[in-house]
Amino acid sequence: MNPYKAEPPIGGSRAHIKSILPSLVPSEQRVAQLCLDSPETVARMSVADMAAQTATSPATIVRACKRMGFDGFQHLRQVLLRDLGAAARDQAEQEGNAATGTPGSSEHLVTGIFARAANDIRGALGSLDFESFDAAVQAIRNANRLLVLANGASLAAAKSLALRLLSTGVDCEAPGDIVSQHIMAKLLAPGDVCIAVSDSGLNSFTLGGARIALEQGATVVGVTSYAKSTLAELSTHTLVAGAEFHSWNDQLPIGNIVQMLVLSALHAAVTGDSPEVEHARSAVSEEVLHIVGEDTEDKA
């Protein structure tokens, strides 16, 4: 599967390469890692230079480029040069959004985290295939039944999607325990959709539910950070974003924020022009106000 049918958007080459990296063989990984570590050096290299630098062969360089979704080494160099230019243009803006406060202070810590997230999220869509996104939206809109699956760290983002869908009039099921997930997946049929969310694309419980859904003839929409993960390979439509954030040494959960943003975009696209959405939102708001009102009266 080619996870991206065209070159990544401006600024997205790093995220795109990161999403492919785990699936490459060691020699190809050395090529990809050099692109991530020193894109400016790779952009000036020849195939022979690259082969010598990575202790590989010219054939390995070409094969690695194609495995990463590029036409060849020259195409890779062009994309890296393009993104280096874009990064230079953005440098002044990034400096203006840098952390504030005295180093070591809470202000410096908090503003630094937000500054890094705001800067790096720009490139998070480098691995997202918008044709797959559109196909997923259409499948969800036409679904007879909709099941949302996730476990572990991805569960919060999936639960948020399910709640947002329900609050805009889209019926869906999002069980929290594994047994219920697999039972509901077994009850799916052709015309139904299973949205499976797994950051790594390797969660065995989520994969089990997705496989059951496929066996029943349902469409599986996989949401993951890695384009060559097991979930990406088995899904009918795969939405890939967020691998870039796994390079942060302090393990900040920004990958889950990217998941949340992708799922929010999916929700917006599914419900955006639905005539039933405003009615559903009005009913939900009325019920929430009723619940809050009751709670306030009880406390009084």
C-alpha atoms as a PDB file:
ATOM      1  CA  MET A   1       0.000   0.000   0.000  1.00  0.00           C
ATOM      2  CA  ASN A   2       1.299   3.444  -0.869  1.00  0.00           C
ATOM      3  CA  PRO A   3       0.155   5.529   2.111  1.00  0.00           C
ATOM      4  CA  TYR A   4       0.390   8.790   0.201  1.00  0.00           C
ATOM      5  CA  LYS A   5      -0.537   8.999  -3.469  1.00  0.00           C
ATOM      6  CA  ALA A   6       1.126  12.378  -4.038  1.00  0.00           C
ATOM      7  CA  GLU A   7       4.043  14.183  -2.447  1.00  0.00           C
ATOM      8  CA  PRO A   8       3.527  15.401   1.118  1.00  0.00           C
ATOM      9  CA  PRO A   9       2.202  18.939   1.604  1.00  0.00           C
ATOM     10  CA  ILE A  10       4.665  21.748   2.256  1.00  0.00           C
ATOM     11  CA  GLY A  11       6.362  21.145   5.585  1.00  0.00           C
ATOM     12  CA  GLY A  12       5.092  17.576   5.777  1.00  0.00           C
ATOM     13  CA  SER A  13       8.066  15.525   4.561  1.00  0.00           C
ATOM     14  CA  ARG A  14       9.386  14.827   8.062  1.00  0.00           C
ATOM     15  CA  ALA A  15       6.035  13.565   9.368  1.00  0.00           C
ATOM     16  CA  HIS A  16       5.590  11.474   6.221  1.00  0.00           C
ATOM     17  CA  ILE A  17       9.005   9.813   6.527  1.00  0.00           C
ATOM     18  CA  LYS A  18       8.476   9.230  10.260  1.00  0.00           C
ATOM     19  CA  SER A  19       5.224   7.391   9.566  1.00  0.00           C
ATOM     20  CA  ILE A  20       7.029   4.979   7.210  1.00  0.00           C
ATOM     21  CA  LEU A  21      10.281   4.520   9.162  1.00  0.00           C
ATOM     22  CA  PRO A  22       9.324   1.540  11.394  1.00  0.00           C
ATOM     23  CA  SER A  23       8.311  -0.570   8.380  1.00  0.00           C
ATOM     24  CA  LEU A  24      11.661  -0.244   6.578  1.00  0.00           C
ATOM     25  CA  VAL A  25      14.464  -2.789   6.776  1.00  0.00           C
ATOM     26  CA  PRO A  26      17.591  -1.650   8.699  1.00  0.00           C
ATOM     27  CA  SER A  27      19.518  -0.484   5.626  1.00  0.00           C
ATOM     28  CA  GLU A  28      16.532   1.519   4.405  1.00  0.00           C
ATOM     29  CA  GLN A  29      16.005   2.915   7.907  1.00  0.00           C
ATOM     30  CA  ARG A  30      19.524   4.363   7.815  1.00  0.00           C
ATOM     31  CA  VAL A  31      18.583   6.232   4.644  1.00  0.00           C
ATOM     32  CA  ALA A  32      15.344   7.527   6.153  1.00  0.00           C
ATOM     33  CA  GLN A  33      17.024   8.472   9.444  1.00  0.00           C
ATOM     34  CA  LEU A  34      19.644  10.563   7.654  1.00  0.00           C
ATOM     35  CA  CYS A  35      16.816  12.412   5.891  1.00  0.00           C
ATOM     36  CA  LEU A  36      15.291  13.155   9.302  1.00  0.00           C
ATOM     37  CA  ASP A  37      18.571  14.070  11.024  1.00  0.00           C
ATOM     38  CA  SER A  38      20.242  16.086   8.240  1.00  0.00           C
ATOM     39  CA  PRO A  39      17.776  16.998   5.471  1.00  0.00           C
ATOM     40  CA  GLU A  40      19.985  19.889   4.366  1.00  0.00           C
ATOM     41  CA  THR A  41      22.905  17.472   3.841  1.00  0.00           C
ATOM     42  CA  VAL A  42      20.798  14.918   1.953  1.00  0.00           C
ATOM     43  CA  ALA A  43      19.408  17.668  -0.295  1.00  0.00           C
ATOM     44  CA  ARG A  44      22.962  18.359  -1.553  1.00  0.00           C
ATOM     45  CA  MET A  45      23.983  14.722  -1.996  1.00  0.00           C
ATOM     46  CA  SER A  46      24.194  12.443  -4.991  1.00  0.00           C
ATOM     47  CA  VAL A  47      23.014   8.843  -4.842  1.00  0.00           C
ATOM     48  CA  ALA A  48      26.645   7.732  -4.512  1.00  0.00           C
ATOM     49  CA  ASP A  49      27.240  10.173  -1.632  1.00  0.00           C
ATOM     50  CA  MET A  50      24.125   8.941   0.130  1.00  0.00           C
ATOM     51  CA  ALA A  51      25.149   5.307  -0.301  1.00  0.00           C
ATOM     52  CA  ALA A  52      28.581   6.006   1.170  1.00  0.00           C
ATOM     53  CA  GLN A  53      27.161   8.009   4.099  1.00  0.00           C
ATOM     54  CA  THR A  54      24.671   5.294   5.045  1.00  0.00           C
ATOM     55  CA  ALA A  55      26.884   2.273   4.260  1.00  0.00           C
ATOM     56  CA  THR A  56      24.365   0.999   1.720  1.00  0.00           C
ATOM     57  CA  SER A  57      24.230   0.727  -2.084  1.00  0.00           C
ATOM     58  CA  PRO A  58      22.699   2.961  -4.777  1.00  0.00           C
ATOM     59  CA  ALA A  59      20.029   0.302  -5.307  1.00  0.00           C
ATOM     60  CA  THR A  60      19.127   0.460  -1.612  1.00  0.00           C
ATOM     61  CA  ILE A  61      18.851   4.261  -1.810  1.00  0.00           C
ATOM     62  CA  VAL A  62      16.426   4.063  -4.736  1.00  0.00           C
ATOM     63  CA  ARG A  63      14.442   1.272  -3.082  1.00  0.00           C
ATOM     64  CA  ALA A  64      14.216   3.214   0.191  1.00  0.00           C
ATOM     65  CA  CYS A  65      12.958   6.308  -1.647  1.00  0.00           C
ATOM     66  CA  LYS A  66      10.235   4.303  -3.338  1.00  0.00           C
ATOM     67  CA  ARG A  67       9.287   2.565  -0.072  1.00  0.00           C
ATOM     68  CA  MET A  68       8.863   6.025   1.444  1.00  0.00           C
ATOM     69  CA  GLY A  69       6.481   6.972  -1.363  1.00  0.00           C
ATOM     70  CA  PHE A  70       8.801   9.045  -3.558  1.00  0.00           C
ATOM     71  CA  ASP A  71       9.453   8.496  -7.277  1.00  0.00           C
ATOM     72  CA  GLY A  72      13.181   8.262  -6.638  1.00  0.00           C
ATOM     73  CA  PHE A  73      16.135  10.018  -5.023  1.00  0.00           C
ATOM     74  CA  GLN A  74      15.753  13.217  -7.042  1.00  0.00           C
ATOM     75  CA  HIS A  75      12.103  13.488  -6.020  1.00  0.00           C
ATOM     76  CA  LEU A  76      13.123  13.037  -2.369  1.00  0.00           C
ATOM     77  CA  ARG A  77      15.775  15.773  -2.708  1.00  0.00           C
ATOM     78  CA  GLN A  78      13.254  18.171  -4.283  1.00  0.00           C
ATOM     79  CA  VAL A  79      10.767  17.670  -1.445  1.00  0.00           C
ATOM     80  CA  LEU A  80      13.474  18.124   1.206  1.00  0.00           C
ATOM     81  CA  LEU A  81      14.699  21.332  -0.480  1.00  0.00           C
ATOM     82  CA  ARG A  82      11.141  22.634  -0.685  1.00  0.00           C
ATOM     83  CA  ASP A  83      10.541  22.015   3.011  1.00  0.00           C
ATOM     84  CA  LEU A  84      13.889  23.495   4.038  1.00  0.00           C
ATOM     85  CA  GLY A  85      12.880  26.678   2.235  1.00  0.00           C
ATOM     86  CA  ALA A  86       9.493  26.686   3.935  1.00  0.00           C
ATOM     87  CA  ALA A  87      11.147  26.162   7.319  1.00  0.00           C
ATOM     88  CA  ALA A  88      13.441  29.134   6.747  1.00  0.00           C
ATOM     89  CA  ARG A  89      10.469  31.346   5.896  1.00  0.00           C
ATOM     90  CA  ASP A  90       8.657  30.227   9.026  1.00  0.00           C
ATOM     91  CA  GLN A  91      11.631  30.745  11.349  1.00  0.00           C
ATOM     92  CA  ALA A  92      10.797  34.340  12.263  1.00  0.00           C
ATOM     93  CA  GLU A  93       7.219  33.438  13.123  1.00  0.00           C
ATOM     94  CA  GLN A  94       8.348  30.492  15.219  1.00  0.00           C
ATOM     95  CA  GLU A  95      10.751  32.695  17.174  1.00  0.00           C
ATOM     96  CA  GLY A  96       7.898  35.099  17.847  1.00  0.00           C
ATOM     97  CA  ASN A  97       5.914  32.248  19.380  1.00  0.00           C
ATOM     98  CA  ALA A  98       8.742  30.963  21.581  1.00  0.00           C
ATOM     99  CA  ALA A  99       8.453  30.245  25.292  1.00  0.00           C
ATOM    100  CA  THR A 100       8.191  33.185  27.628  1.00  0.00           C
ATOM    101  CA  GLY A 101       9.179  33.638  31.247  1.00  0.00           C
ATOM    102  CA  THR A 102      12.328  32.773  33.157  1.00  0.00           C
ATOM    103  CA  PRO A 103      13.861  29.367  32.349  1.00  0.00           C
ATOM    104  CA  GLY A 104      12.850  26.959  35.094  1.00  0.00           C
ATOM    105  CA  SER A 105       9.621  28.794  35.859  1.00  0.00           C
ATOM    106  CA  SER A 106       6.145  27.371  35.370  1.00  0.00           C
ATOM    107  CA  GLU A 107       5.444  30.020  32.737  1.00  0.00           C
ATOM    108  CA  HIS A 108       8.490  28.961  30.717  1.00  0.00           C
ATOM    109  CA  LEU A 109       7.530  25.281  30.977  1.00  0.00           C
ATOM    110  CA  VAL A 110       3.893  25.752  29.946  1.00  0.00           C
ATOM    111  CA  THR A 111       4.504  28.266  27.149  1.00  0.00           C
ATOM    112  CA  GLY A 112       7.372  26.132  25.850  1.00  0.00           C
ATOM    113  CA  ILE A 113       5.140  23.070  25.548  1.00  0.00           C
ATOM    114  CA  PHE A 114       2.476  25.072  23.741  1.00  0.00           C
ATOM    115  CA  ALA A 115       5.056  26.671  21.437  1.00  0.00           C
ATOM    116  CA  ARG A 116       6.493  23.289  20.432  1.00  0.00           C
ATOM    117  CA  ALA A 117       3.058  21.825  19.839  1.00  0.00           C
ATOM    118  CA  ALA A 118       1.891  24.804  17.752  1.00  0.00           C
ATOM    119  CA  ASN A 119       5.049  24.618  15.662  1.00  0.00           C
ATOM    120  CA  ASP A 120       5.202  20.871  15.052  1.00  0.00           C
ATOM    121  CA  ILE A 121       1.481  20.242  14.536  1.00  0.00           C
ATOM    122  CA  ARG A 122       1.806  22.139  11.249  1.00  0.00           C
ATOM    123  CA  GLY A 123       3.637  19.215   9.709  1.00  0.00           C
ATOM    124  CA  ALA A 124       1.516  16.470  11.258  1.00  0.00           C
ATOM    125  CA  LEU A 125      -0.607  16.063   8.128  1.00  0.00           C
ATOM    126  CA  GLY A 126       2.360  15.128   5.964  1.00  0.00           C
ATOM    127  CA  SER A 127       1.283  11.480   5.980  1.00  0.00           C
ATOM    128  CA  LEU A 128      -2.488  11.960   5.676  1.00  0.00           C
ATOM    129  CA  ASP A 129      -4.037  10.786   2.395  1.00  0.00           C
ATOM    130  CA  PHE A 130      -6.962  13.105   1.713  1.00  0.00           C
ATOM    131  CA  GLU A 131      -8.493  10.695  -0.811  1.00  0.00           C
ATOM    132  CA  SER A 132      -8.687   8.094   1.960  1.00  0.00           C
ATOM    133  CA  PHE A 133     -10.130  10.752   4.276  1.00  0.00           C
ATOM    134  CA  ASP A 134     -12.884  11.578   1.776  1.00  0.00           C
ATOM    135  CA  ALA A 135     -13.630   7.875   1.238  1.00  0.00           C
ATOM    136  CA  ALA A 136     -13.870   7.351   5.006  1.00  0.00           C
ATOM    137  CA  VAL A 137     -16.268  10.279   5.347  1.00  0.00           C
ATOM    138  CA  GLN A 138     -18.518   8.879   2.621  1.00  0.00           C
ATOM    139  CA  ALA A 139     -18.496   5.402   4.157  1.00  0.00           C
ATOM    140  CA  ILE A 140     -19.442   6.751   7.601  1.00  0.00           C
ATOM    141  CA  ARG A 141     -22.232   8.895   6.160  1.00  0.00           C
ATOM    142  CA  ASN A 142     -23.725   5.864   4.416  1.00  0.00           C
ATOM    143  CA  ALA A 143     -23.223   3.411   7.290  1.00  0.00           C
ATOM    144  CA  ASN A 144     -26.151   1.409   8.635  1.00  0.00           C
ATOM    145  CA  ARG A 145     -24.331   0.872  11.924  1.00  0.00           C
ATOM    146  CA  LEU A 146     -21.234   2.606  13.266  1.00  0.00           C
ATOM    147  CA  LEU A 147     -18.814   1.077  15.784  1.00  0.00           C
ATOM    148  CA  VAL A 148     -15.857   2.957  17.317  1.00  0.00           C
ATOM    149  CA  LEU A 149     -13.006   0.816  18.707  1.00  0.00           C
ATOM    150  CA  ALA A 150      -9.968   1.833  20.750  1.00  0.00           C
ATOM    151  CA  ASN A 151      -7.982   0.760  23.780  1.00  0.00           C
ATOM    152  CA  GLY A 152      -5.139   2.118  25.872  1.00  0.00           C
ATOM    153  CA  ALA A 153      -3.988   5.682  25.256  1.00  0.00           C
ATOM    154  CA  SER A 154      -6.150   5.988  22.129  1.00  0.00           C
ATOM    155  CA  LEU A 155      -9.363   5.345  24.046  1.00  0.00           C
ATOM    156  CA  ALA A 156      -9.864   8.972  25.118  1.00  0.00           C
ATOM    157  CA  ALA A 157      -9.731  10.313  21.556  1.00  0.00           C
ATOM    158  CA  ALA A 158     -12.092   7.580  20.330  1.00  0.00           C
ATOM    159  CA  LYS A 159     -14.572   8.194  23.148  1.00  0.00           C
ATOM    160  CA  SER A 160     -14.514  11.908  22.380  1.00  0.00           C
ATOM    161  CA  LEU A 161     -15.350  11.166  18.721  1.00  0.00           C
ATOM    162  CA  ALA A 162     -18.230   8.894  19.735  1.00  0.00           C
ATOM    163  CA  LEU A 163     -19.670  11.550  22.044  1.00  0.00           C
ATOM    164  CA  ARG A 164     -19.383  14.229  19.360  1.00  0.00           C
ATOM    165  CA  LEU A 165     -21.111  11.965  16.839  1.00  0.00           C
ATOM    166  CA  LEU A 166     -23.937  11.193  19.251  1.00  0.00           C
ATOM    167  CA  SER A 167     -24.348  14.874  20.140  1.00  0.00           C
ATOM    168  CA  THR A 168     -24.903  15.698  16.459  1.00  0.00           C
ATOM    169  CA  GLY A 169     -27.430  12.954  15.792  1.00  0.00           C
ATOM    170  CA  VAL A 170     -25.156  10.218  14.436  1.00  0.00           C
ATOM    171  CA  ASP A 171     -25.908   6.870  16.109  1.00  0.00           C
ATOM    172  CA  CYS A 172     -22.773   4.965  17.068  1.00  0.00           C
ATOM    173  CA  GLU A 173     -21.553   2.392  19.572  1.00  0.00           C
ATOM    174  CA  ALA A 174     -18.304   2.758  21.499  1.00  0.00           C
ATOM    175  CA  PRO A 175     -18.002   0.037  24.170  1.00  0.00           C
ATOM    176  CA  GLY A 176     -15.132   0.420  26.602  1.00  0.00           C
ATOM    177  CA  ASP A 177     -14.424  -3.235  27.365  1.00  0.00           C
ATOM    178  CA  ILE A 178     -12.764  -5.648  24.962  1.00  0.00           C
ATOM    179  CA  VAL A 179     -15.397  -8.394  25.160  1.00  0.00           C
ATOM    180  CA  SER A 180     -18.211  -5.991  24.220  1.00  0.00           C
ATOM    181  CA  GLN A 181     -16.063  -4.526  21.436  1.00  0.00           C
ATOM    182  CA  HIS A 182     -15.555  -7.925  19.834  1.00  0.00           C
ATOM    183  CA  ILE A 183     -19.189  -8.980  20.278  1.00  0.00           C
ATOM    184  CA  MET A 184     -20.414  -5.779  18.600  1.00  0.00           C
ATOM    185  CA  ALA A 185     -17.856  -6.197  15.819  1.00  0.00           C
ATOM    186  CA  LYS A 186     -19.206  -9.728  15.267  1.00  0.00           C
ATOM    187  CA  LEU A 187     -22.705  -8.272  14.823  1.00  0.00           C
ATOM    188  CA  LEU A 188     -21.635  -5.912  12.035  1.00  0.00           C
ATOM    189  CA  ALA A 189     -22.547  -6.596   8.409  1.00  0.00           C
ATOM    190  CA  PRO A 190     -21.861  -5.229   4.925  1.00  0.00           C
ATOM    191  CA  GLY A 191     -22.853  -1.582   4.871  1.00  0.00           C
ATOM    192  CA  ASP A 192     -21.649  -1.035   8.450  1.00  0.00           C
ATOM    193  CA  VAL A 193     -18.478   0.836   9.458  1.00  0.00           C
ATOM    194  CA  CYS A 194     -15.942   0.214  12.204  1.00  0.00           C
ATOM    195  CA  ILE A 195     -13.636   3.125  13.143  1.00  0.00           C
ATOM    196  CA  ALA A 196     -10.545   1.607  14.774  1.00  0.00           C
ATOM    197  CA  VAL A 197      -8.165   3.989  16.544  1.00  0.00           C
ATOM    198  CA  SER A 198      -4.652   2.880  17.548  1.00  0.00           C
ATOM    199  CA  ASP A 199      -1.697   5.247  17.777  1.00  0.00           C
ATOM    200  CA  SER A 200       0.856   2.491  17.151  1.00  0.00           C
ATOM    201  CA  GLY A 201      -1.448   0.507  14.884  1.00  0.00           C
ATOM    202  CA  LEU A 202      -0.385  -2.579  16.843  1.00  0.00           C
ATOM    203  CA  ASN A 203      -2.817  -2.818  19.763  1.00  0.00           C
ATOM    204  CA  SER A 204      -3.836  -6.481  19.651  1.00  0.00           C
ATOM    205  CA  PHE A 205      -7.297  -5.907  21.173  1.00  0.00           C
ATOM    206  CA  THR A 206      -8.196  -3.162  18.695  1.00  0.00           C
ATOM    207  CA  LEU A 207      -6.758  -5.185  15.828  1.00  0.00           C
ATOM    208  CA  GLY A 208      -8.862  -8.160  16.909  1.00  0.00           C
ATOM    209  CA  GLY A 209     -12.052  -6.119  16.739  1.00  0.00           C
ATOM    210  CA  ALA A 210     -11.077  -4.636  13.373  1.00  0.00           C
ATOM    211  CA  ARG A 211     -10.378  -8.074  11.913  1.00  0.00           C
ATOM    212  CA  ILE A 212     -13.737  -9.372  13.120  1.00  0.00           C
ATOM    213  CA  ALA A 213     -15.460  -6.372  11.519  1.00  0.00           C
ATOM    214  CA  LEU A 214     -13.720  -7.101   8.223  1.00  0.00           C
ATOM    215  CA  GLU A 215     -14.707 -10.764   8.392  1.00  0.00           C
ATOM    216  CA  GLN A 216     -18.335  -9.652   8.729  1.00  0.00           C
ATOM    217  CA  GLY A 217     -18.034  -7.554   5.572  1.00  0.00           C
ATOM    218  CA  ALA A 218     -17.943  -4.162   7.314  1.00  0.00           C
ATOM    219  CA  THR A 219     -15.759  -1.248   6.199  1.00  0.00           C
ATOM    220  CA  VAL A 220     -12.871  -0.489   8.559  1.00  0.00           C
ATOM    221  CA  VAL A 221     -11.554   3.059   8.926  1.00  0.00           C
ATOM    222  CA  GLY A 222      -8.173   2.869  10.661  1.00  0.00           C
ATOM    223  CA  VAL A 223      -6.691   5.891  12.460  1.00  0.00           C
ATOM    224  CA  THR A 224      -3.005   5.475  13.340  1.00  0.00           C
ATOM    225  CA  SER A 225       0.353   7.248  13.372  1.00  0.00           C
ATOM    226  CA  TYR A 226       2.191   4.726  11.202  1.00  0.00           C
ATOM    227  CA  ALA A 227       1.481   4.113   7.539  1.00  0.00           C
ATOM    228  CA  LYS A 228       2.850   0.570   7.447  1.00  0.00           C
ATOM    229  CA  SER A 229       1.418  -0.638  10.760  1.00  0.00           C
ATOM    230  CA  THR A 230      -0.795  -3.711  10.965  1.00  0.00           C
ATOM    231  CA  LEU A 231      -3.912  -1.558  11.379  1.00  0.00           C
ATOM    232  CA  ALA A 232      -2.989   0.534   8.351  1.00  0.00           C
ATOM    233  CA  GLU A 233      -2.469  -2.574   6.237  1.00  0.00           C
ATOM    234  CA  LEU A 234      -5.766  -4.257   7.130  1.00  0.00           C
ATOM    235  CA  SER A 235      -8.006  -1.152   7.066  1.00  0.00           C
ATOM    236  CA  THR A 236     -10.268  -0.362   4.144  1.00  0.00           C
ATOM    237  CA  HIS A 237      -9.459   3.348   4.533  1.00  0.00           C
ATOM    238  CA  THR A 238      -6.445   4.478   6.576  1.00  0.00           C
ATOM    239  CA  LEU A 239      -5.927   7.911   8.147  1.00  0.00           C
ATOM    240  CA  VAL A 240      -2.277   8.373   9.140  1.00  0.00           C
ATOM    241  CA  ALA A 241      -1.012  11.294  11.244  1.00  0.00           C
ATOM    242  CA  GLY A 242       1.041  11.930  14.370  1.00  0.00           C
ATOM    243  CA  ALA A 243       4.247   9.885  14.039  1.00  0.00           C
ATOM    244  CA  GLU A 244       6.363  13.033  14.222  1.00  0.00           C
ATOM    245  CA  PHE A 245       5.549  13.565  17.890  1.00  0.00           C
ATOM    246  CA  HIS A 246       7.039  10.258  18.972  1.00  0.00           C
ATOM    247  CA  SER A 247      10.488  11.794  18.493  1.00  0.00           C
ATOM    248  CA  TRP A 248      10.067  13.915  21.627  1.00  0.00           C
ATOM    249  CA  ASN A 249      12.312  12.548  24.356  1.00  0.00           C
ATOM    250  CA  ASP A 250      10.032  13.689  27.167  1.00  0.00           C
ATOM    251  CA  GLN A 251       7.160  11.557  25.840  1.00  0.00           C
ATOM    252  CA  LEU A 252       4.572  14.340  25.807  1.00  0.00           C
ATOM    253  CA  PRO A 253       1.219  12.918  24.626  1.00  0.00           C
ATOM    254  CA  ILE A 254       0.951  15.247  21.629  1.00  0.00           C
ATOM    255  CA  GLY A 255       0.410  12.272  19.330  1.00  0.00           C
ATOM    256  CA  ASN A 256      -2.955  11.826  21.024  1.00  0.00           C
ATOM    257  CA  ILE A 257      -3.750  15.498  20.419  1.00  0.00           C
ATOM    258  CA  VAL A 258      -3.097  14.931  16.712  1.00  0.00           C
ATOM    259  CA  GLN A 259      -5.423  11.920  16.877  1.00  0.00           C
ATOM    260  CA  MET A 260      -8.068  14.119  18.469  1.00  0.00           C
ATOM    261  CA  LEU A 261      -7.681  16.748  15.751  1.00  0.00           C
ATOM    262  CA  VAL A 262      -7.923  14.195  12.935  1.00  0.00           C
ATOM    263  CA  LEU A 263     -11.024  12.639  14.495  1.00  0.00           C
ATOM    264  CA  SER A 264     -12.534  16.098  15.031  1.00  0.00           C
ATOM    265  CA  ALA A 265     -11.974  16.846  11.356  1.00  0.00           C
ATOM    266  CA  LEU A 266     -13.577  13.512  10.468  1.00  0.00           C
ATOM    267  CA  HIS A 267     -16.600  14.371  12.607  1.00  0.00           C
ATOM    268  CA  ALA A 268     -16.885  17.836  11.056  1.00  0.00           C
ATOM    269  CA  ALA A 269     -16.743  16.399   7.540  1.00  0.00           C
ATOM    270  CA  VAL A 270     -19.334  13.718   8.296  1.00  0.00           C
ATOM    271  CA  THR A 271     -21.831  16.092   9.893  1.00  0.00           C
ATOM    272  CA  GLY A 272     -20.964  19.361   8.189  1.00  0.00           C
ATOM    273  CA  ASP A 273     -23.886  19.626   5.752  1.00  0.00           C
ATOM    274  CA  SER A 274     -26.365  17.374   7.544  1.00  0.00           C
ATOM    275  CA  PRO A 275     -29.794  19.008   7.998  1.00  0.00           C
ATOM    276  CA  GLU A 276     -30.322  16.954  11.163  1.00  0.00           C
ATOM    277  CA  VAL A 277     -27.269  18.311  12.970  1.00  0.00           C
ATOM    278  CA  GLU A 278     -28.765  21.567  14.234  1.00  0.00           C
ATOM    279  CA  HIS A 279     -31.863  19.767  15.507  1.00  0.00           C
ATOM    280  CA  ALA A 280     -29.684  17.237  17.331  1.00  0.00           C
ATOM    281  CA  ARG A 281     -27.466  19.939  18.820  1.00  0.00           C
ATOM    282  CA  SER A 282     -30.512  21.820  20.039  1.00  0.00           C
ATOM    283  CA  ALA A 283     -31.900  18.682  21.701  1.00  0.00           C
ATOM    284  CA  VAL A 284     -28.535  17.900  23.301  1.00  0.00           C
ATOM    285  CA  SER A 285     -28.145  21.458  24.606  1.00  0.00           C
ATOM    286  CA  GLU A 286     -31.637  21.329  26.085  1.00  0.00           C
ATOM    287  CA  GLU A 287     -30.900  18.045  27.852  1.00  0.00           C
ATOM    288  CA  VAL A 288     -27.535  19.239  29.176  1.00  0.00           C
ATOM    289  CA  LEU A 289     -29.116  22.418  30.535  1.00  0.00           C
ATOM    290  CA  HIS A 290     -31.835  20.295  32.130  1.00  0.00           C
ATOM    291  CA  ILE A 291     -29.240  18.053  33.811  1.00  0.00           C
ATOM    292  CA  VAL A 292     -27.173  21.018  34.991  1.00  0.00           C
ATOM    293  CA  GLY A 293     -30.315  22.713  36.258  1.00  0.00           C
ATOM    294  CA  GLU A 294     -31.315  19.649  38.268  1.00  0.00           C
ATOM    295  CA  ASP A 295     -27.838  19.378  39.741  1.00  0.00           C
ATOM    296  CA  THR A 296     -27.899  23.054  40.764  1.00  0.00           C
ATOM    297  CA  GLU A 297     -31.305  22.663  42.402  1.00  0.00           C
ATOM    298  CA  ASP A 298     -30.134  19.591  44.338  1.00  0.00           C
ATOM    299  CA  LYS A 299     -27.136  21.468  45.709  1.00  0.00           C
ATOM    300  CA  ALA A 300     -29.300  24.433  46.670  1.00  0.00           C
END
